[in-house]
Amino acid sequence: MTTLTAPFDKHPTPAGVRAPIMSNASSMVPVRMQRLELVFLLFFGFILRFCGMLAIIRQRPPMWLFTRGIEMGLMATSILSGEGLSSPFGGHTGPTALIGPVYPLMIAGIFKFAGSYSLASEIIVLSLQVAVSVLNLWLLIRLAELVAGRQAAFLAGFFWACSPPIIMMPTVFWDTTFTTSILTGMSLFVVQSHWRIRRRELYAAGALFALGSLLNSALFFTSIALLALLAKQLPKARIKGFSLSVALFLAVFSPWPVRNAVVLHSFVPFRSTIGLELWMGNHAGSTGHLEEKLFPYFNAAEFADYASHGEIAYDREKKQLAVDYIRSHPRDFAELTVKRIARFWLGTGSRGASLVVALHAILTLTLGLFGAVLFVRHRGIKHALPLLLPLLLFPLPYYITHAEFRYRLVIDPLLMALAAYGLSRVLPQGPTRGSVLSMPRMDEQAEAA
């Protein structure tokens, strides 16, 4: 009799019999109880984040939230005034590609509905980001469950639900909360496609990956890598659908560089201020931290230079200054890069970072590395790639510019998913209970049929 052998399961599945989603041990827990536990955990996470939101509204001065990302508010008001995405540092300095269009457009919509910089707008922004943070909690639990099983996933989810830095993440007036959810969803999608994927889900993947790239340009190469990984593990019957998914990715993403070419008269596929970011992190006297005093919004001389030359010329000038510094000071650049790498992973990239933030970062890093080593050892590197590739690719721009903690938060759910696998190796239930990776691949199921 022909048998199907799952990649990580020592017990073959008879041909024609679909492997169960949960193992016998996991299925002993009633489905209703599992759902109640999930609802409780999500509600618990929501209550903590809601309390954090109320504390910000009641204890901080009016408009405090909008000072946490001044450029976002300025670009949103420019959109509402009919100038389009422009003037990120104030005044009327013309079109910009400082950041992808998704988050500023969302803020502009909220401002139009509830008033610019109003208390109502602040409440809407915070509420929306709290909701997305709870969605991210669910995505993390689902990802960890597919990787490590239900019990370890709920432990990882509980930690992420009540860790103070994660609770306060929705109070950052930037794309951080949304980028984190999209990256978690991207990795979840690729992991789940190991077992099954519907055609409409494949199409949605193209749009999701493009949306992530438009939200945060640092996700672009991660998106390309995950799409390539997805193509490699798809059965031949799904290749046509994947081609359409890639076409959808291009259709969603391409209007952005086209718009930039038209209004900025230059090829800008991602952001127009890469040179500025590189220079702020690499110049005489650099510390490896974000130098806000050099930002055009805070520095009158830099603003005058930016306004007079225009964004593209200004950025090219800063890029050349940064390159000249790096070439003439290679040792200093290497030392700064090492500092930024360490600060990124240890949670000390932001000035005045609290001990709680550092402890969170160190704990998730330690547990994540522990789980990653065990994952690669027991399951092989190719099955770890949906989690490892983002961890390798996403931080790269921040290693050579500045490594604030909010960037580190984006990959935190992936570290927690790997930590869940490490937990699954020491929990009494054992590893891979209920894991989708312990089930037959799609191509194996097709061959059996």
Protein backbone atom coordinates (compact mmCIF):
# COMPACT_ATOMS: atom_id res chain seq x y z
CA MET A 1 0.00 0.00 0.00
CA THR A 2 1.28 3.46 -0.92
CA THR A 3 1.80 5.70 2.04
CA LEU A 4 2.31 9.42 2.58
CA THR A 5 5.12 10.34 4.89
CA ALA A 6 4.82 13.79 6.42
CA PRO A 7 8.05 15.78 6.51
CA PHE A 8 8.34 15.69 10.31
CA ASP A 9 6.00 12.88 11.29
CA LYS A 10 7.45 9.45 11.99
CA HIS A 11 4.05 7.83 11.47
CA PRO A 12 2.95 7.56 7.81
CA THR A 13 -0.56 8.45 6.78
CA PRO A 14 -2.42 5.84 4.68
CA ALA A 15 -3.01 6.84 1.08
CA GLY A 16 -6.30 8.61 0.51
CA VAL A 17 -6.70 9.56 4.17
CA ARG A 18 -6.32 13.24 4.98
CA ALA A 19 -4.19 13.90 8.01
CA PRO A 20 -6.06 15.45 10.94
CA ILE A 21 -5.32 19.04 11.83
CA MET A 22 -4.86 18.16 15.48
CA SER A 23 -3.17 15.17 16.97
CA ASN A 24 -5.06 12.85 19.27
CA ALA A 25 -3.62 14.58 22.29
CA SER A 26 -4.75 17.96 21.08
CA SER A 27 -8.16 16.72 19.97
CA MET A 28 -8.92 15.60 23.52
CA VAL A 29 -9.53 19.27 24.30
CA PRO A 30 -13.02 20.18 23.04
CA VAL A 31 -13.03 22.59 20.12
CA ARG A 32 -15.40 24.85 22.03
CA MET A 33 -12.93 25.06 24.91
CA GLN A 34 -10.12 25.93 22.54
CA ARG A 35 -12.20 28.74 21.07
CA LEU A 36 -13.11 30.05 24.51
CA GLU A 37 -9.45 30.11 25.49
CA LEU A 38 -8.60 32.00 22.32
CA VAL A 39 -11.40 34.52 22.84
CA PHE A 40 -10.32 35.03 26.44
CA LEU A 41 -6.71 35.64 25.45
CA LEU A 42 -7.67 38.10 22.71
CA PHE A 43 -10.06 39.91 25.05
CA PHE A 44 -7.37 40.04 27.73
CA GLY A 45 -4.94 41.56 25.23
CA PHE A 46 -7.57 44.06 24.11
CA ILE A 47 -8.34 45.19 27.68
CA LEU A 48 -4.66 45.81 28.43
CA ARG A 49 -4.20 47.81 25.23
CA PHE A 50 -7.43 49.71 25.80
CA CYS A 51 -6.26 50.68 29.27
CA GLY A 52 -2.96 51.84 27.81
CA MET A 53 -4.87 53.95 25.29
CA LEU A 54 -7.00 55.52 28.04
CA ALA A 55 -3.90 56.29 30.09
CA ILE A 56 -2.38 58.13 27.14
CA ILE A 57 -5.53 60.14 26.48
CA ARG A 58 -6.02 61.10 30.14
CA GLN A 59 -2.44 61.64 31.30
CA ARG A 60 -0.71 63.10 28.26
CA PRO A 61 -1.25 66.66 27.01
CA PRO A 62 -3.51 67.28 24.00
CA MET A 63 -2.01 66.31 20.63
CA TRP A 64 0.75 64.31 22.35
CA LEU A 65 0.18 61.37 20.00
CA PHE A 66 0.77 63.52 16.92
CA THR A 67 4.19 64.59 18.21
CA ARG A 68 5.29 60.95 18.02
CA GLY A 69 5.47 61.13 14.22
CA ILE A 70 5.24 64.74 13.16
CA GLU A 71 5.83 64.01 9.48
CA MET A 72 2.73 61.83 9.27
CA GLY A 73 0.42 64.61 10.42
CA LEU A 74 2.05 67.16 8.12
CA MET A 75 1.72 64.91 5.07
CA ALA A 76 -1.90 64.12 5.97
CA THR A 77 -2.78 67.82 6.17
CA SER A 78 -1.05 68.41 2.83
CA ILE A 79 -3.22 65.71 1.28
CA LEU A 80 -6.35 67.35 2.68
CA SER A 81 -5.28 70.76 1.36
CA GLY A 82 -5.14 69.36 -2.17
CA GLU A 83 -1.34 69.35 -2.45
CA GLY A 84 -1.07 65.58 -2.46
CA LEU A 85 1.58 63.71 -0.50
CA SER A 86 3.95 66.61 0.17
CA SER A 87 5.69 68.92 2.65
CA PRO A 88 6.73 66.37 5.32
CA PHE A 89 8.70 68.97 7.29
CA GLY A 90 6.22 71.82 7.14
CA GLY A 91 5.79 74.78 4.83
CA HIS A 92 5.04 74.16 1.16
CA THR A 93 8.09 72.31 -0.10
CA GLY A 94 6.46 70.20 -2.79
CA PRO A 95 5.88 66.48 -3.40
CA THR A 96 7.57 63.89 -1.25
CA ALA A 97 8.26 60.18 -1.11
CA LEU A 98 9.53 60.31 2.46
CA ILE A 99 7.50 57.22 3.23
CA GLY A 100 5.06 54.94 1.47
CA PRO A 101 1.57 56.36 0.87
CA VAL A 102 -0.58 53.95 2.88
CA TYR A 103 -0.30 55.32 6.43
CA PRO A 104 -0.39 59.04 5.52
CA LEU A 105 -3.48 58.44 3.39
CA MET A 106 -5.16 56.65 6.28
CA ILE A 107 -4.35 59.53 8.65
CA ALA A 108 -5.66 62.01 6.07
CA GLY A 109 -8.94 60.09 5.95
CA ILE A 110 -9.23 60.21 9.74
CA PHE A 111 -8.41 63.93 9.80
CA LYS A 112 -11.06 64.61 7.17
CA PHE A 113 -13.66 62.70 9.16
CA ALA A 114 -12.81 63.85 12.69
CA GLY A 115 -10.74 67.00 12.25
CA SER A 116 -7.00 67.58 11.95
CA TYR A 117 -5.10 67.01 15.20
CA SER A 118 -8.36 66.78 17.15
CA LEU A 119 -9.06 64.67 20.21
CA ALA A 120 -11.55 62.66 18.14
CA SER A 121 -8.84 61.92 15.56
CA GLU A 122 -6.45 60.89 18.32
CA ILE A 123 -9.02 58.47 19.75
CA ILE A 124 -9.76 57.00 16.31
CA VAL A 125 -6.07 56.50 15.49
CA LEU A 126 -5.38 54.86 18.85
CA SER A 127 -8.51 52.69 18.67
CA LEU A 128 -7.67 51.52 15.17
CA GLN A 129 -4.12 50.66 16.16
CA VAL A 130 -5.34 48.83 19.26
CA ALA A 131 -7.64 46.76 17.05
CA VAL A 132 -4.79 45.96 14.66
CA SER A 133 -2.58 45.03 17.61
CA VAL A 134 -5.21 42.54 18.80
CA LEU A 135 -5.40 41.17 15.25
CA ASN A 136 -1.64 40.77 15.37
CA LEU A 137 -2.00 38.81 18.60
CA TRP A 138 -4.36 36.40 16.85
CA LEU A 139 -1.96 36.09 13.89
CA LEU A 140 0.89 35.30 16.28
CA ILE A 141 -1.12 32.63 18.06
CA ARG A 142 -2.13 31.07 14.74
CA LEU A 143 1.45 31.14 13.43
CA ALA A 144 2.87 29.68 16.63
CA GLU A 145 0.17 27.00 16.66
CA LEU A 146 1.07 25.92 13.13
CA VAL A 147 4.76 25.87 14.03
CA ALA A 148 4.72 24.46 17.57
CA GLY A 149 1.25 23.32 18.59
CA ARG A 150 -1.58 24.75 20.64
CA GLN A 151 -0.18 24.77 24.17
CA ALA A 152 3.09 26.49 23.30
CA ALA A 153 1.24 28.92 21.02
CA PHE A 154 -1.03 30.06 23.85
CA LEU A 155 1.93 30.57 26.16
CA ALA A 156 3.65 32.69 23.52
CA GLY A 157 0.41 34.57 22.91
CA PHE A 158 -0.07 35.24 26.61
CA PHE A 159 3.41 36.73 26.88
CA TRP A 160 2.81 38.93 23.86
CA ALA A 161 -0.59 39.96 25.17
CA CYS A 162 0.74 41.34 28.45
CA SER A 163 4.29 42.52 27.72
CA PRO A 164 4.38 46.30 28.44
CA PRO A 165 6.28 47.35 25.27
CA ILE A 166 3.75 45.47 23.11
CA ILE A 167 0.80 46.92 25.04
CA MET A 168 2.07 50.43 24.32
CA MET A 169 2.98 49.80 20.68
CA PRO A 170 -0.38 51.19 19.41
CA THR A 171 0.56 54.58 20.89
CA VAL A 172 3.30 55.05 18.27
CA PHE A 173 2.09 57.46 15.60
CA TRP A 174 3.74 55.58 12.77
CA ASP A 175 3.09 52.52 10.62
CA THR A 176 4.68 50.19 13.21
CA THR A 177 1.53 48.39 14.38
CA PHE A 178 0.27 47.83 10.83
CA THR A 179 3.66 46.75 9.48
CA THR A 180 4.01 44.22 12.30
CA SER A 181 0.62 42.68 11.51
CA ILE A 182 1.29 42.50 7.78
CA LEU A 183 4.70 40.87 8.23
CA THR A 184 3.24 38.33 10.65
CA GLY A 185 0.45 37.64 8.16
CA MET A 186 2.95 37.19 5.32
CA SER A 187 4.97 34.61 7.25
CA LEU A 188 1.78 32.89 8.40
CA PHE A 189 0.60 32.65 4.81
CA VAL A 190 3.83 31.02 3.62
CA VAL A 191 3.90 28.57 6.55
CA GLN A 192 0.27 27.60 6.00
CA SER A 193 0.83 27.10 2.28
CA HIS A 194 3.10 24.20 3.22
CA TRP A 195 -0.10 22.20 3.70
CA ARG A 196 -2.79 23.89 1.65
CA ILE A 197 -3.59 27.07 -0.23
CA ARG A 198 -6.70 28.13 -2.09
CA ARG A 199 -6.48 30.03 -5.35
CA ARG A 200 -8.20 33.12 -3.98
CA GLU A 201 -5.80 33.10 -1.02
CA LEU A 202 -2.91 32.99 -3.47
CA TYR A 203 -4.26 36.08 -5.22
CA ALA A 204 -4.74 37.82 -1.89
CA ALA A 205 -1.10 37.11 -1.05
CA GLY A 206 0.07 39.22 -3.97
CA ALA A 207 -2.01 42.18 -2.80
CA LEU A 208 -0.98 41.71 0.86
CA PHE A 209 2.73 41.58 0.06
CA ALA A 210 2.45 44.69 -2.13
CA LEU A 211 0.49 46.53 0.56
CA GLY A 212 3.22 45.73 3.06
CA SER A 213 5.87 47.13 0.71
CA LEU A 214 3.86 50.33 0.24
CA LEU A 215 3.35 50.64 3.97
CA ASN A 216 7.02 50.18 4.86
CA SER A 217 9.64 49.99 2.12
CA ALA A 218 11.86 47.87 4.36
CA LEU A 219 9.39 45.04 3.72
CA PHE A 220 9.95 45.02 -0.05
CA PHE A 221 12.87 42.61 -0.23
CA THR A 222 11.34 40.46 2.49
CA SER A 223 8.16 40.30 0.38
CA ILE A 224 10.14 39.27 -2.71
CA ALA A 225 12.00 36.59 -0.76
CA LEU A 226 8.80 35.16 0.72
CA LEU A 227 7.09 35.18 -2.68
CA ALA A 228 10.05 33.26 -4.12
CA LEU A 229 9.86 30.79 -1.24
CA LEU A 230 6.13 30.43 -1.82
CA ALA A 231 6.70 29.69 -5.51
CA LYS A 232 9.27 27.03 -4.65
CA GLN A 233 6.98 25.08 -2.35
CA LEU A 234 3.80 25.31 -4.44
CA PRO A 235 2.71 22.25 -6.45
CA LYS A 236 2.78 22.57 -10.23
CA ALA A 237 -0.99 22.87 -10.33
CA ARG A 238 -0.75 26.21 -8.54
CA ILE A 239 1.97 27.85 -10.66
CA LYS A 240 -0.54 29.62 -12.92
CA GLY A 241 -2.30 31.03 -9.88
CA PHE A 242 1.04 32.16 -8.50
CA SER A 243 1.79 34.01 -11.74
CA LEU A 244 -1.45 35.92 -11.34
CA SER A 245 -0.50 36.63 -7.73
CA VAL A 246 2.78 38.17 -8.89
CA ALA A 247 0.88 40.21 -11.49
CA LEU A 248 -1.41 41.48 -8.74
CA PHE A 249 1.62 42.39 -6.63
CA LEU A 250 3.00 44.46 -9.48
CA ALA A 251 -0.39 46.04 -10.19
CA VAL A 252 -0.75 47.19 -6.58
CA PHE A 253 2.85 48.30 -6.05
CA SER A 254 3.82 49.83 -9.41
CA PRO A 255 1.63 53.00 -9.20
CA TRP A 256 3.91 54.23 -6.41
CA PRO A 257 7.20 54.38 -8.38
CA VAL A 258 5.26 55.65 -11.42
CA ARG A 259 3.80 58.47 -9.33
CA ASN A 260 7.25 59.30 -7.98
CA ALA A 261 8.73 59.41 -11.48
CA VAL A 262 5.99 61.82 -12.59
CA VAL A 263 5.96 64.25 -9.64
CA LEU A 264 9.58 63.99 -8.49
CA HIS A 265 11.10 63.58 -11.98
CA SER A 266 13.31 60.79 -10.73
CA PHE A 267 13.22 57.02 -10.37
CA VAL A 268 12.26 56.45 -6.73
CA PRO A 269 10.99 52.89 -6.26
CA PHE A 270 10.83 53.00 -2.46
CA ARG A 271 11.66 56.20 -0.56
CA SER A 272 13.23 59.49 -1.56
CA THR A 273 15.09 60.08 1.71
CA ILE A 274 17.37 57.05 1.87
CA GLY A 275 20.39 59.34 1.53
CA LEU A 276 19.17 61.53 4.39
CA GLU A 277 18.71 58.53 6.67
CA LEU A 278 22.16 57.20 5.75
CA TRP A 279 23.78 60.58 6.42
CA MET A 280 22.06 61.09 9.78
CA GLY A 281 23.54 57.78 10.91
CA ASN A 282 26.97 58.23 9.36
CA HIS A 283 28.69 61.59 9.71
CA ALA A 284 31.37 63.16 11.87
CA GLY A 285 30.26 62.80 15.47
CA SER A 286 27.71 60.02 14.80
CA THR A 287 26.66 57.99 17.82
CA GLY A 288 24.61 55.32 16.07
CA HIS A 289 21.39 56.75 17.48
CA LEU A 290 18.82 58.74 15.54
CA GLU A 291 20.06 62.35 15.39
CA GLU A 292 16.78 64.28 15.39
CA LYS A 293 18.62 67.58 15.63
CA LEU A 294 19.70 67.05 12.01
CA PHE A 295 16.17 66.49 10.77
CA PRO A 296 14.86 69.35 8.58
CA TYR A 297 11.82 69.79 10.83
CA PHE A 298 14.03 70.53 13.85
CA ASN A 299 16.99 72.15 12.08
CA ALA A 300 16.37 75.51 10.37
CA ALA A 301 19.50 75.31 8.23
CA GLU A 302 18.65 71.83 6.99
CA PHE A 303 15.08 72.88 6.27
CA ALA A 304 16.28 75.83 4.23
CA ASP A 305 18.61 73.54 2.28
CA TYR A 306 15.81 71.03 1.73
CA ALA A 307 13.31 73.68 0.64
CA SER A 308 15.70 75.45 -1.74
CA HIS A 309 17.15 72.39 -3.47
CA GLY A 310 14.09 70.14 -3.45
CA GLU A 311 13.78 66.68 -1.97
CA ILE A 312 15.63 64.71 -4.67
CA ALA A 313 18.64 67.02 -4.93
CA TYR A 314 18.79 67.36 -1.13
CA ASP A 315 18.75 63.60 -0.68
CA ARG A 316 21.45 63.04 -3.30
CA GLU A 317 23.65 65.58 -1.54
CA LYS A 318 23.19 63.81 1.80
CA LYS A 319 23.83 60.43 0.23
CA GLN A 320 27.11 61.66 -1.22
CA LEU A 321 28.15 63.10 2.13
CA ALA A 322 27.37 59.77 3.83
CA VAL A 323 29.24 57.75 1.20
CA ASP A 324 32.26 60.06 1.46
CA TYR A 325 32.28 59.68 5.23
CA ILE A 326 32.00 55.89 5.06
CA ARG A 327 34.84 55.67 2.53
CA SER A 328 37.11 57.95 4.54
CA HIS A 329 36.19 56.41 7.91
CA PRO A 330 35.66 52.68 7.28
CA ARG A 331 36.62 51.71 10.81
CA ASP A 332 34.20 54.19 12.38
CA PHE A 333 31.44 52.96 10.06
CA ALA A 334 32.15 49.35 11.03
CA GLU A 335 32.04 50.22 14.73
CA LEU A 336 28.79 52.16 14.33
CA THR A 337 27.26 49.28 12.40
CA VAL A 338 28.19 46.80 15.11
CA LYS A 339 26.66 49.11 17.71
CA ARG A 340 23.46 49.45 15.71
CA ILE A 341 23.17 45.69 15.23
CA ALA A 342 23.59 45.12 18.95
CA ARG A 343 21.15 47.89 19.83
CA PHE A 344 18.58 46.62 17.35
CA TRP A 345 18.44 43.17 18.88
CA LEU A 346 18.92 44.22 22.50
CA GLY A 347 16.22 46.90 22.39
CA THR A 348 18.55 49.80 23.17
CA GLY A 349 18.37 51.55 19.80
CA SER A 350 16.20 54.41 21.04
CA ARG A 351 17.68 57.09 23.27
CA GLY A 352 16.58 56.70 26.86
CA ALA A 353 15.20 53.20 26.30
CA SER A 354 13.76 51.81 29.54
CA LEU A 355 14.93 48.70 31.31
CA VAL A 356 11.56 47.05 30.61
CA VAL A 357 12.08 47.51 26.87
CA ALA A 358 15.57 46.02 27.04
CA LEU A 359 14.39 43.08 29.14
CA HIS A 360 11.59 42.36 26.65
CA ALA A 361 14.02 42.47 23.73
CA ILE A 362 16.63 40.29 25.43
CA LEU A 363 14.05 37.74 26.53
CA THR A 364 12.41 37.43 23.10
CA LEU A 365 15.82 37.31 21.42
CA THR A 366 17.09 34.57 23.74
CA LEU A 367 13.95 32.44 23.47
CA GLY A 368 13.69 33.07 19.74
CA LEU A 369 17.29 32.01 19.10
CA PHE A 370 16.77 28.93 21.25
CA GLY A 371 13.70 27.98 19.25
CA ALA A 372 15.37 28.78 15.92
CA VAL A 373 18.31 26.48 16.65
CA LEU A 374 15.98 23.62 17.62
CA PHE A 375 13.71 24.31 14.65
CA VAL A 376 16.57 24.12 12.14
CA ARG A 377 18.04 21.10 13.89
CA HIS A 378 14.84 19.05 13.97
CA ARG A 379 13.00 20.27 10.89
CA GLY A 380 15.65 21.54 8.53
CA ILE A 381 16.55 24.98 7.28
CA LYS A 382 14.06 25.07 4.40
CA HIS A 383 11.08 24.80 6.74
CA ALA A 384 12.47 27.56 8.96
CA LEU A 385 12.88 30.04 6.10
CA PRO A 386 9.39 31.63 6.35
CA LEU A 387 10.41 32.80 9.83
CA LEU A 388 14.15 33.27 9.36
CA LEU A 389 14.15 35.24 6.10
CA PRO A 390 12.30 38.25 7.58
CA LEU A 391 14.58 38.17 10.61
CA LEU A 392 17.58 38.33 8.30
CA LEU A 393 16.33 40.79 5.67
CA PHE A 394 14.05 43.28 7.41
CA PRO A 395 16.64 44.76 9.83
CA LEU A 396 19.34 45.38 7.16
CA PRO A 397 18.51 49.07 6.45
CA TYR A 398 18.54 49.85 10.16
CA TYR A 399 21.99 48.37 10.67
CA ILE A 400 23.49 51.18 8.58
CA THR A 401 21.19 54.07 9.60
CA HIS A 402 19.59 53.97 13.05
CA ALA A 403 18.01 51.10 14.97
CA GLU A 404 15.13 52.43 17.03
CA PHE A 405 13.18 49.92 19.09
CA ARG A 406 9.96 50.40 17.10
CA TYR A 407 11.69 48.74 14.14
CA ARG A 408 12.62 45.79 16.32
CA LEU A 409 8.97 45.37 17.32
CA VAL A 410 8.02 44.54 13.74
CA ILE A 411 9.77 41.17 13.83
CA ASP A 412 8.88 40.39 17.44
CA PRO A 413 5.99 38.00 16.59
CA LEU A 414 8.32 35.85 14.48
CA LEU A 415 10.74 35.55 17.37
CA MET A 416 7.83 34.56 19.59
CA ALA A 417 6.73 31.89 17.10
CA LEU A 418 10.22 30.42 17.17
CA ALA A 419 10.23 30.71 20.97
CA ALA A 420 6.99 28.73 20.97
CA TYR A 421 8.73 25.94 19.13
CA GLY A 422 11.48 25.95 21.72
CA LEU A 423 8.82 25.71 24.42
CA SER A 424 7.17 22.82 22.60
CA ARG A 425 10.36 20.82 22.94
CA VAL A 426 10.27 21.03 26.73
CA LEU A 427 6.52 20.92 27.41
CA PRO A 428 4.98 17.56 28.42
CA GLN A 429 2.86 17.46 25.25
CA GLY A 430 5.98 17.31 23.11
CA PRO A 431 6.69 19.20 19.90
CA THR A 432 4.60 19.62 16.75
CA ARG A 433 1.26 18.68 18.32
CA GLY A 434 -1.32 20.16 16.01
CA SER A 435 1.41 21.60 13.83
CA VAL A 436 0.55 22.03 10.20
CA LEU A 437 4.15 21.18 9.39
CA SER A 438 3.60 17.67 10.69
CA MET A 439 1.00 17.07 7.96
CA PRO A 440 1.44 15.98 4.33
CA ARG A 441 2.38 18.67 1.86
CA MET A 442 -0.01 19.63 -0.91
CA ASP A 443 2.06 17.93 -3.57
CA GLU A 444 2.19 14.73 -1.50
CA GLN A 445 -1.59 14.76 -1.15
CA ALA A 446 -1.96 15.31 -4.88
CA GLU A 447 0.31 12.37 -5.69
CA ALA A 448 -1.71 10.10 -3.40
CA ALA A 449 -4.97 11.11 -5.07
